[in-house]
Amino acid sequence: MNISFLIVTKNRPEELQFTLEKLQAVFDAVNHEVLVFIDGCATTEQLQSQFSWVKWYVSNESISASPARNFLYQQAKGEIFIGLDDDAHLISENPIKTIQNYFKTNSNLGILAFLELKGLFDKPEKEIQSIEKEEYLTTEFIGCGFAIRKSVYDKTNGFPIWIDIYGEESCLSLEVLDIDYDVFYTNQVVVNHRVDIKKRKQQGKNYFRFQKQLQNSFRIYMVYYQNPIKKILKLLLHNFRKYALTDWAYFRLYVKALGNMFGSFFIVFKYRKPIRQFTLMRLKQLKAIKY
């Protein structure tokens, strides 16, 4: 089964270089392909000559993560798409063969969700030597490392162009589940997401993520839920009590997110495609993925 490795990158040329070097060591250039979308970053474009075996796509202006993925995945030709973040690389033993075997032995497998090992390690492979096997059907996947069958992806609308970042994985998962394919988690395929956890903790509250997730959750309910009003009211009330009432910066972003919801209502409404009640019931029975 041929594989397409797909990476969207922005403003992290050093991380991308590291990821591509790691990828070059495990993939077969004859049978597989690597596609990279540079989302408005001139500095990263300098890497193109260094990695001539990569199929490069460049946008001079940033179009954001989900629309970039939407474009890039349309260019891929492999039977299996493996999505990686520019700061993430596979560290499990024989990852490509393992991924292929999962798809070969399960015709109903739509998305394979990997274990995310988050952090900076000298030898990340050692961190997973003693883990016990864990697998289950789940509701979605983590975008830094996953695989999806091309034939399944083509039956969906792909990554949404009506979301910029934070939430696009949920959209694709909902569409895959709604056409009766499985999202399956396994810790037998591991990706090291090279984020500095200590630095993130020192930075404290992630205001940018708060606003994006709030307004994108609204969009997801509007597009995929048959009766979204109740879900939206709960979303707004929860975030108002937990965040907006406790922090002035959160309050301002809450109001800004509300403005975005109203301003984008008719644009988002054009993409409305409610999933079946059966799928909603199935979601309640599935085990959520670990973050």
Protein backbone atom coordinates (compact mmCIF):
# COMPACT_ATOMS: atom_id res chain seq x y z
CA MET A 1 0.00 0.00 0.00
CA ASN A 2 1.60 3.24 -1.16
CA ILE A 3 1.78 6.06 1.36
CA SER A 4 1.66 9.84 1.13
CA PHE A 5 3.24 11.73 4.03
CA LEU A 6 1.60 15.14 4.38
CA ILE A 7 2.95 18.10 6.34
CA VAL A 8 1.72 21.69 6.62
CA THR A 9 4.36 24.06 7.99
CA LYS A 10 4.54 27.67 9.08
CA ASN A 11 7.43 29.61 10.65
CA ARG A 12 9.30 26.53 11.92
CA PRO A 13 12.01 25.75 9.34
CA GLU A 14 14.35 24.13 11.87
CA GLU A 15 11.63 21.82 13.13
CA LEU A 16 10.58 20.91 9.62
CA GLN A 17 14.17 20.16 8.64
CA PHE A 18 14.52 17.80 11.61
CA THR A 19 11.22 16.06 10.77
CA LEU A 20 12.16 15.57 7.12
CA GLU A 21 15.56 14.16 8.05
CA LYS A 22 13.88 11.65 10.36
CA LEU A 23 11.32 10.81 7.70
CA GLN A 24 13.96 10.26 5.04
CA ALA A 25 15.45 7.51 7.18
CA VAL A 26 12.25 5.41 7.30
CA PHE A 27 10.32 5.92 4.08
CA ASP A 28 10.76 4.28 0.68
CA ALA A 29 11.16 6.97 -1.98
CA VAL A 30 10.22 4.52 -4.76
CA ASN A 31 6.83 3.55 -3.35
CA HIS A 32 5.95 6.52 -1.16
CA GLU A 33 5.81 10.30 -1.44
CA VAL A 34 6.24 13.29 0.87
CA LEU A 35 4.23 16.47 0.33
CA VAL A 36 4.84 19.70 2.23
CA PHE A 37 2.75 22.87 2.14
CA ILE A 38 4.56 26.06 3.19
CA ASP A 39 1.89 28.33 4.62
CA GLY A 40 3.23 31.83 4.06
CA CYS A 41 6.81 31.55 5.32
CA ALA A 42 9.61 32.72 3.03
CA THR A 43 12.34 31.42 5.38
CA THR A 44 11.04 27.87 5.10
CA GLU A 45 11.14 28.05 1.28
CA GLN A 46 14.93 27.86 1.48
CA LEU A 47 14.64 24.19 2.45
CA GLN A 48 13.27 23.19 -0.94
CA SER A 49 16.70 22.76 -2.53
CA GLN A 50 17.91 20.70 0.43
CA PHE A 51 15.06 18.17 0.15
CA SER A 52 14.56 17.70 -3.58
CA TRP A 53 12.64 14.42 -3.01
CA VAL A 54 9.80 16.38 -1.35
CA LYS A 55 6.87 17.67 -3.39
CA TRP A 56 6.64 21.29 -2.29
CA TYR A 57 3.60 23.55 -2.40
CA VAL A 58 3.94 27.20 -1.42
CA SER A 59 1.47 29.92 -0.51
CA ASN A 60 2.98 33.40 -0.32
CA GLU A 61 0.28 34.41 2.14
CA SER A 62 -0.87 32.29 5.06
CA ILE A 63 -4.19 30.52 4.47
CA SER A 64 -4.07 28.70 7.84
CA ALA A 65 -3.74 25.06 8.82
CA SER A 66 -7.04 23.45 7.86
CA PRO A 67 -7.44 25.08 4.41
CA ALA A 68 -3.78 24.24 3.74
CA ARG A 69 -4.42 20.60 4.62
CA ASN A 70 -7.52 20.62 2.44
CA PHE A 71 -5.44 21.71 -0.54
CA LEU A 72 -2.46 19.47 0.16
CA TYR A 73 -4.48 16.28 0.63
CA GLN A 74 -6.08 16.78 -2.78
CA GLN A 75 -2.62 16.50 -4.36
CA ALA A 76 -1.66 13.21 -2.66
CA LYS A 77 -1.81 9.90 -4.55
CA GLY A 78 -0.99 7.28 -1.92
CA GLU A 79 -3.47 4.66 -0.75
CA ILE A 80 -2.82 5.80 2.81
CA PHE A 81 -2.30 9.39 3.93
CA ILE A 82 -0.09 9.93 6.98
CA GLY A 83 -0.48 13.37 8.48
CA LEU A 84 2.34 14.82 10.59
CA ASP A 85 2.94 18.20 12.18
CA ASP A 86 6.18 19.91 11.19
CA ASP A 87 7.46 19.33 14.75
CA ALA A 88 6.52 15.65 15.00
CA HIS A 89 8.17 12.44 13.82
CA LEU A 90 7.50 8.70 14.04
CA ILE A 91 9.52 6.88 16.70
CA SER A 92 7.95 3.41 16.98
CA GLU A 93 9.63 0.38 15.42
CA ASN A 94 8.76 -0.29 11.77
CA PRO A 95 5.98 2.34 11.78
CA ILE A 96 5.18 2.20 8.07
CA LYS A 97 4.81 -1.58 7.97
CA THR A 98 2.72 -1.47 11.15
CA ILE A 99 0.39 1.18 9.70
CA GLN A 100 0.01 -0.73 6.46
CA ASN A 101 -0.88 -3.92 8.32
CA TYR A 102 -3.66 -2.21 10.26
CA PHE A 103 -5.29 -1.03 7.04
CA LYS A 104 -4.75 -4.33 5.22
CA THR A 105 -6.39 -6.40 7.97
CA ASN A 106 -9.35 -4.09 8.64
CA SER A 107 -11.34 -2.97 5.64
CA ASN A 108 -13.58 -0.80 7.84
CA LEU A 109 -10.68 1.20 9.23
CA GLY A 110 -10.99 4.82 8.16
CA ILE A 111 -8.57 6.64 10.47
CA LEU A 112 -5.73 5.23 12.55
CA ALA A 113 -4.95 7.48 15.53
CA PHE A 114 -1.38 7.31 16.88
CA LEU A 115 -0.07 7.70 20.40
CA GLU A 116 1.30 11.22 20.89
CA LEU A 117 4.46 11.36 23.01
CA LYS A 118 4.68 15.02 23.87
CA GLY A 119 7.95 16.57 24.96
CA LEU A 120 11.66 16.97 24.22
CA PHE A 121 13.78 13.84 24.70
CA ASP A 122 17.36 12.89 23.86
CA LYS A 123 16.16 9.39 22.92
CA PRO A 124 12.35 9.38 22.69
CA GLU A 125 12.34 5.72 21.62
CA LYS A 126 13.37 4.75 25.14
CA GLU A 127 10.28 6.43 26.56
CA ILE A 128 8.00 3.88 24.90
CA GLN A 129 9.96 0.66 25.43
CA SER A 130 7.86 -0.55 28.35
CA ILE A 131 4.36 0.60 27.38
CA GLU A 132 1.64 -2.01 27.37
CA LYS A 133 -0.43 -2.42 24.24
CA GLU A 134 -3.59 -0.31 24.23
CA GLU A 135 -6.15 -0.08 21.44
CA TYR A 136 -9.78 0.95 21.11
CA LEU A 137 -12.35 2.49 18.82
CA THR A 138 -12.46 6.22 19.45
CA THR A 139 -14.15 9.48 18.49
CA GLU A 140 -11.29 11.34 16.80
CA PHE A 141 -7.54 11.66 16.33
CA ILE A 142 -4.71 14.03 17.17
CA GLY A 143 -3.54 15.97 14.14
CA CYS A 144 0.19 15.76 14.86
CA GLY A 145 0.21 12.08 13.89
CA PHE A 146 -2.43 9.90 12.23
CA ALA A 147 -3.23 7.90 9.10
CA ILE A 148 -6.34 7.89 6.92
CA ARG A 149 -7.33 5.70 4.00
CA LYS A 150 -7.42 7.78 0.80
CA SER A 151 -10.64 6.17 -0.43
CA VAL A 152 -12.31 7.15 2.85
CA TYR A 153 -10.93 10.68 2.83
CA ASP A 154 -12.25 11.14 -0.71
CA LYS A 155 -15.77 10.27 0.47
CA THR A 156 -15.72 13.17 2.92
CA ASN A 157 -15.43 16.91 2.38
CA GLY A 158 -11.87 16.65 3.66
CA PHE A 159 -10.37 19.09 6.11
CA PRO A 160 -12.78 22.04 6.34
CA ILE A 161 -11.97 25.32 4.66
CA TRP A 162 -14.43 27.07 7.03
CA ILE A 163 -12.14 26.46 10.04
CA ASP A 164 -8.65 27.89 10.26
CA ILE A 165 -7.01 25.97 13.13
CA TYR A 166 -8.13 23.95 16.19
CA GLY A 167 -11.12 21.75 15.45
CA GLU A 168 -10.42 20.45 11.95
CA GLU A 169 -9.65 16.95 13.27
CA SER A 170 -13.09 16.77 14.89
CA CYS A 171 -14.75 17.70 11.60
CA LEU A 172 -13.00 15.00 9.60
CA SER A 173 -13.64 12.41 12.32
CA LEU A 174 -17.36 13.18 12.37
CA GLU A 175 -17.60 12.78 8.62
CA VAL A 176 -15.68 9.50 8.64
CA LEU A 177 -17.85 8.06 11.41
CA ASP A 178 -21.00 9.24 9.64
CA ILE A 179 -20.18 7.14 6.57
CA ASP A 180 -19.76 4.10 8.85
CA TYR A 181 -15.99 3.82 8.99
CA ASP A 182 -14.00 3.44 12.20
CA VAL A 183 -11.54 5.71 13.96
CA PHE A 184 -9.16 3.37 15.78
CA TYR A 185 -6.52 4.33 18.35
CA THR A 186 -3.36 2.32 18.89
CA ASN A 187 -0.22 2.99 20.89
CA GLN A 188 1.70 0.64 18.61
CA VAL A 189 2.38 3.61 16.35
CA VAL A 190 3.95 6.51 18.22
CA VAL A 191 4.75 10.04 17.15
CA ASN A 192 7.01 12.31 19.17
CA HIS A 193 5.45 15.76 19.23
CA ARG A 194 8.46 17.88 20.05
CA VAL A 195 6.86 20.58 22.17
CA ASP A 196 8.62 22.15 25.13
CA ILE A 197 6.15 21.29 27.90
CA LYS A 198 8.07 23.23 30.52
CA LYS A 199 8.10 26.36 28.36
CA ARG A 200 4.38 26.02 27.66
CA LYS A 201 3.64 25.81 31.37
CA GLN A 202 5.70 28.93 32.00
CA GLN A 203 3.78 30.76 29.30
CA GLY A 204 0.58 30.04 31.20
CA LYS A 205 -2.83 30.59 29.69
CA ASN A 206 -3.27 30.03 25.97
CA TYR A 207 -5.53 32.91 25.01
CA PHE A 208 -5.17 32.34 21.27
CA ARG A 209 -6.31 28.72 21.53
CA PHE A 210 -9.25 29.73 23.75
CA GLN A 211 -10.76 32.06 21.17
CA LYS A 212 -10.17 29.72 18.23
CA GLN A 213 -11.62 26.69 19.98
CA LEU A 214 -14.67 28.62 21.19
CA GLN A 215 -15.65 30.02 17.80
CA ASN A 216 -14.76 26.81 15.97
CA SER A 217 -16.83 24.69 18.37
CA PHE A 218 -19.76 26.93 17.47
CA ARG A 219 -19.07 26.29 13.77
CA ILE A 220 -18.88 22.52 14.26
CA TYR A 221 -22.24 22.46 16.04
CA MET A 222 -23.77 24.63 13.32
CA VAL A 223 -22.52 22.42 10.50
CA TYR A 224 -22.86 18.90 11.88
CA TYR A 225 -25.60 18.85 14.53
CA GLN A 226 -29.26 18.53 13.59
CA ASN A 227 -30.39 20.66 16.55
CA PRO A 228 -27.36 22.76 17.49
CA ILE A 229 -28.99 25.50 19.62
CA LYS A 230 -28.86 23.62 22.92
CA LYS A 231 -25.23 22.60 22.38
CA ILE A 232 -24.27 26.17 21.48
CA LEU A 233 -25.97 27.65 24.56
CA LYS A 234 -24.17 25.15 26.80
CA LEU A 235 -20.88 25.98 25.08
CA LEU A 236 -21.34 29.72 25.62
CA LEU A 237 -22.48 29.37 29.22
CA HIS A 238 -19.66 27.04 30.18
CA ASN A 239 -16.95 29.25 28.68
CA PHE A 240 -18.48 32.39 30.12
CA ARG A 241 -18.51 30.98 33.66
CA LYS A 242 -15.17 29.18 33.55
CA TYR A 243 -13.13 31.74 31.61
CA ALA A 244 -14.79 35.07 30.80
CA LEU A 245 -15.83 35.73 34.40
CA THR A 246 -12.40 34.94 35.82
CA ASP A 247 -10.02 36.81 33.52
CA TRP A 248 -10.37 40.15 31.74
CA ALA A 249 -8.32 38.95 28.75
CA TYR A 250 -10.55 35.90 28.41
CA PHE A 251 -13.62 38.14 28.62
CA ARG A 252 -12.42 40.29 25.73
CA LEU A 253 -11.65 37.21 23.64
CA TYR A 254 -15.03 35.75 24.54
CA VAL A 255 -16.74 38.87 23.18
CA LYS A 256 -14.49 38.79 20.12
CA ALA A 257 -15.41 35.14 19.51
CA LEU A 258 -19.10 36.04 19.76
CA GLY A 259 -18.57 38.67 17.09
CA ASN A 260 -16.89 36.09 14.89
CA MET A 261 -19.83 33.70 15.37
CA PHE A 262 -22.35 36.29 14.26
CA GLY A 263 -20.17 37.63 11.46
CA SER A 264 -19.47 34.21 9.95
CA PHE A 265 -22.92 32.70 10.50
CA PHE A 266 -24.15 32.78 6.90
CA ILE A 267 -20.75 31.72 5.51
CA VAL A 268 -20.62 28.69 7.80
CA PHE A 269 -24.29 27.89 7.25
CA LYS A 270 -23.54 27.20 3.57
CA TYR A 271 -21.55 24.14 4.64
CA ARG A 272 -24.26 22.77 6.92
CA LYS A 273 -24.47 18.98 6.61
CA PRO A 274 -25.93 17.43 9.79
CA ILE A 275 -24.73 13.96 10.67
CA ARG A 276 -27.16 11.16 11.44
CA GLN A 277 -28.69 10.62 14.86
CA PHE A 278 -27.15 7.14 14.74
CA THR A 279 -23.69 8.71 14.54
CA LEU A 280 -24.41 10.98 17.51
CA MET A 281 -25.46 7.97 19.56
CA ARG A 282 -22.35 6.11 18.47
CA LEU A 283 -20.16 9.01 19.61
CA LYS A 284 -21.56 8.70 23.14
CA GLN A 285 -20.58 5.03 23.25
CA LEU A 286 -17.01 5.46 21.98
CA LYS A 287 -14.02 6.05 24.21
CA ALA A 288 -12.49 9.50 23.83
CA ILE A 289 -8.86 9.72 22.79
CA LYS A 290 -6.23 10.78 25.32
CA TYR A 291 -4.64 14.20 24.88
